[in-house]
Structure formats: C-alpha cells, structure tokens
Amino acid sequence: MTSIEYRVTGMTCGHCETAVAQEVGRISDVEGVEVSAQTGRLVVTAPGVVDDAAVLAAVGEAGYAAERVS
C-alpha cells in the first residue's frame, strides 16, 4: 500500500472534508481517504502508485487547492 499526504487549502468545516473525500474517493484504485479541515491534511492510500495529477484535479473539482507534502 502507498500513502501520500497532501496539504489542502481553503477547507473550514466538515462539509469541506466530505466534498474532498468524495471527489478523491472516485479515483480508481484509491482505497482510503483521510481528510482534516482543522489541519488541512489529506492522506490518500492506494495499492500501487497514487496518481498525483488525478488527486490534485479531484481536490480542485471539490473547490480547493492542494499540494503534495510527501
């Protein structure tokens, strides 16, 4: 399993977390999504390589911006 962490800006509440989690969760092969509006942290887990471009695009679709941390 691969886990990649992203920093998401603009999230302020549970609704924000849900929107990001739903969009990122639609990416094929993504098995886990953890989102915290309080810390701005998004962790994506997949069995193989995580597609950064797809994750960043999904976060954008939810209305936020992100950058890879690790």
Protein backbone atom coordinates (compact mmCIF):
# COMPACT_ATOMS: atom_id res chain seq x y z
CA MET A 1 0.00 0.00 0.00
CA THR A 2 1.11 3.52 -0.77
CA SER A 3 0.07 6.52 1.33
CA ILE A 4 0.64 10.05 0.08
CA GLU A 5 -0.02 13.20 2.09
CA TYR A 6 -1.28 16.48 0.63
CA ARG A 7 -1.87 19.92 2.13
CA VAL A 8 -5.29 21.29 1.15
CA THR A 9 -6.03 24.99 1.50
CA GLY A 10 -9.43 26.59 1.98
CA MET A 11 -11.20 23.86 3.96
CA THR A 12 -13.02 25.15 7.04
CA CYS A 13 -15.62 22.55 8.06
CA GLY A 14 -16.95 19.02 7.86
CA HIS A 15 -18.74 19.78 4.61
CA CYS A 16 -15.38 20.71 3.09
CA GLU A 17 -13.90 17.41 4.28
CA THR A 18 -16.79 15.46 2.80
CA ALA A 19 -16.55 17.22 -0.57
CA VAL A 20 -12.82 16.49 -0.85
CA ALA A 21 -13.20 12.89 0.34
CA GLN A 22 -15.98 12.19 -2.16
CA GLU A 23 -14.09 13.60 -5.14
CA VAL A 24 -10.79 11.90 -4.28
CA GLY A 25 -12.62 8.66 -3.45
CA ARG A 26 -13.86 8.49 -7.05
CA ILE A 27 -10.32 7.99 -8.37
CA SER A 28 -9.78 4.40 -9.47
CA ASP A 29 -7.52 2.34 -7.19
CA VAL A 30 -7.88 4.75 -4.25
CA GLU A 31 -8.72 2.61 -1.23
CA GLY A 32 -8.54 5.15 1.58
CA VAL A 33 -9.03 8.88 2.05
CA GLU A 34 -8.46 10.76 5.30
CA VAL A 35 -9.26 14.48 5.36
CA SER A 36 -8.97 17.06 8.15
CA ALA A 37 -10.20 20.62 7.70
CA GLN A 38 -8.59 21.52 11.01
CA THR A 39 -5.08 20.56 9.88
CA GLY A 40 -5.57 20.91 6.11
CA ARG A 41 -4.27 17.38 5.74
CA LEU A 42 -5.34 14.86 3.10
CA VAL A 43 -3.92 11.33 3.08
CA VAL A 44 -4.64 9.10 0.09
CA THR A 45 -3.99 5.35 0.25
CA ALA A 46 -3.81 3.08 -2.80
CA PRO A 47 -2.44 -0.39 -3.54
CA GLY A 48 0.04 0.99 -6.06
CA VAL A 49 1.20 4.37 -7.29
CA VAL A 50 -1.02 7.31 -6.41
CA ASP A 51 -1.77 9.50 -9.44
CA ASP A 52 -0.85 12.98 -8.17
CA ALA A 53 -2.46 14.74 -11.11
CA ALA A 54 -5.75 12.92 -10.50
CA VAL A 55 -5.71 13.74 -6.78
CA LEU A 56 -4.95 17.41 -7.39
CA ALA A 57 -7.67 17.58 -10.06
CA ALA A 58 -10.20 15.93 -7.74
CA VAL A 59 -9.40 18.39 -4.95
CA GLY A 60 -9.84 21.19 -7.50
CA GLU A 61 -13.22 19.77 -8.51
CA ALA A 62 -14.25 19.98 -4.85
CA GLY A 63 -13.32 23.67 -4.91
CA TYR A 64 -9.98 23.63 -3.09
CA ALA A 65 -6.26 23.68 -3.88
CA ALA A 66 -3.70 21.11 -2.79
CA GLU A 67 0.00 20.36 -2.89
CA ARG A 68 1.83 17.12 -2.23
CA VAL A 69 3.69 17.01 1.08
CA SER A 70 5.26 13.54 0.96
